[in-house]
Amino acid sequence: MLKTIYAYGLRRTEINDTWPLADVQQCVVDLVRASLKYTSRKCWSRITTELRAIYTAPTVEAANYCSTSSSRNGNRNTRR
C-alpha cells in the first residue's frame, strides 16, 4: 500500500526511514516561503505568481514549461 505523506516540519529522510515506500510531499506554501528567503521583498508578488504556477503544475512537463516561459520573460530587476 502506497502512502502519501504531507511533510510539515519533518525531513524527507526521517519519513523514509519510517515508511520507505511513502511518497513525501511538501505544502506549496512552505515551498514558496523557502524560496522567498533568497529574493528581494519588492520582487515577491511576481515571484510568488510564477512559483505557484510551477509548484502546482499537474505534470513535470507543465512545470518545466512554466519555468522556461518565465525565464524567457527575463528578470527585469537584475543589475547591470
Protein backbone atom coordinates (compact mmCIF):
# COMPACT_ATOMS: atom_id res chain seq x y z
CA MET A 1 0.00 0.00 0.00
CA LEU A 2 1.43 3.37 -1.06
CA LYS A 3 1.01 6.25 1.35
CA THR A 4 1.25 9.94 0.61
CA ILE A 5 2.69 11.95 3.47
CA TYR A 6 2.48 15.71 3.66
CA ALA A 7 5.64 16.73 5.48
CA TYR A 8 5.11 19.60 7.84
CA GLY A 9 8.32 20.19 9.74
CA LEU A 10 9.66 16.71 9.02
CA ARG A 11 12.63 15.83 6.89
CA ARG A 12 12.23 13.52 3.94
CA THR A 13 14.86 11.16 5.37
CA GLU A 14 13.01 10.87 8.67
CA ILE A 15 9.81 9.90 6.90
CA ASN A 16 11.52 7.48 4.51
CA ASP A 17 13.25 5.77 7.45
CA THR A 18 9.85 5.04 8.96
CA TRP A 19 7.88 4.43 5.76
CA PRO A 20 10.31 3.51 2.94
CA LEU A 21 7.62 3.34 0.23
CA ALA A 22 5.90 6.60 1.13
CA ASP A 23 5.53 9.45 -1.34
CA VAL A 24 6.63 12.59 0.51
CA GLN A 25 5.11 15.94 -0.48
CA GLN A 26 5.60 19.40 0.92
CA CYS A 27 2.99 22.09 1.19
CA VAL A 28 3.13 24.67 -1.64
CA VAL A 29 3.12 27.48 0.91
CA ASP A 30 6.22 26.02 2.60
CA LEU A 31 7.99 25.70 -0.75
CA VAL A 32 7.22 29.30 -1.70
CA ARG A 33 8.31 30.63 1.70
CA ALA A 34 11.58 28.75 1.47
CA SER A 35 12.21 30.22 -1.99
CA LEU A 36 11.48 33.77 -0.87
CA LYS A 37 14.36 33.71 1.61
CA TYR A 38 16.70 34.37 -1.31
CA THR A 39 14.83 37.21 -3.03
CA SER A 40 14.19 40.89 -2.51
CA ARG A 41 10.83 41.77 -0.97
CA LYS A 42 9.98 44.11 -3.85
CA CYS A 43 10.00 41.12 -6.24
CA TRP A 44 7.82 38.84 -4.10
CA SER A 45 4.50 39.38 -5.88
CA ARG A 46 5.88 38.48 -9.31
CA ILE A 47 7.95 35.59 -7.99
CA THR A 48 5.12 34.05 -5.97
CA THR A 49 2.86 34.09 -9.02
CA GLU A 50 5.50 32.26 -11.08
CA LEU A 51 6.37 29.80 -8.30
CA ARG A 52 2.73 28.95 -7.67
CA ALA A 53 2.33 28.01 -11.34
CA ILE A 54 5.43 25.82 -11.19
CA TYR A 55 4.69 24.13 -7.85
CA THR A 56 1.04 23.36 -8.68
CA ALA A 57 1.62 22.12 -12.22
CA PRO A 58 -0.06 18.76 -12.85
CA THR A 59 2.98 17.21 -14.56
CA VAL A 60 6.74 17.66 -14.65
CA GLU A 61 6.50 18.79 -18.28
CA ALA A 62 4.00 21.50 -17.36
CA ALA A 63 6.25 22.69 -14.53
CA ASN A 64 9.22 22.81 -16.90
CA TYR A 65 7.15 24.79 -19.39
CA CYS A 66 6.16 27.30 -16.70
CA SER A 67 9.77 27.57 -15.62
CA THR A 68 11.11 28.16 -19.13
CA SER A 69 8.34 30.59 -20.08
CA SER A 70 9.05 32.72 -17.00
CA SER A 71 12.79 32.70 -17.74
CA ARG A 72 12.08 33.77 -21.33
CA ASN A 73 10.36 36.87 -19.98
CA GLY A 74 13.65 37.74 -18.33
CA ASN A 75 14.48 39.15 -14.97
CA ARG A 76 13.71 42.85 -15.21
CA ASN A 77 15.29 43.63 -11.86
CA THR A 78 18.85 42.47 -12.49
CA ARG A 79 21.62 44.98 -12.06
CA ARG A 80 24.00 45.55 -14.93
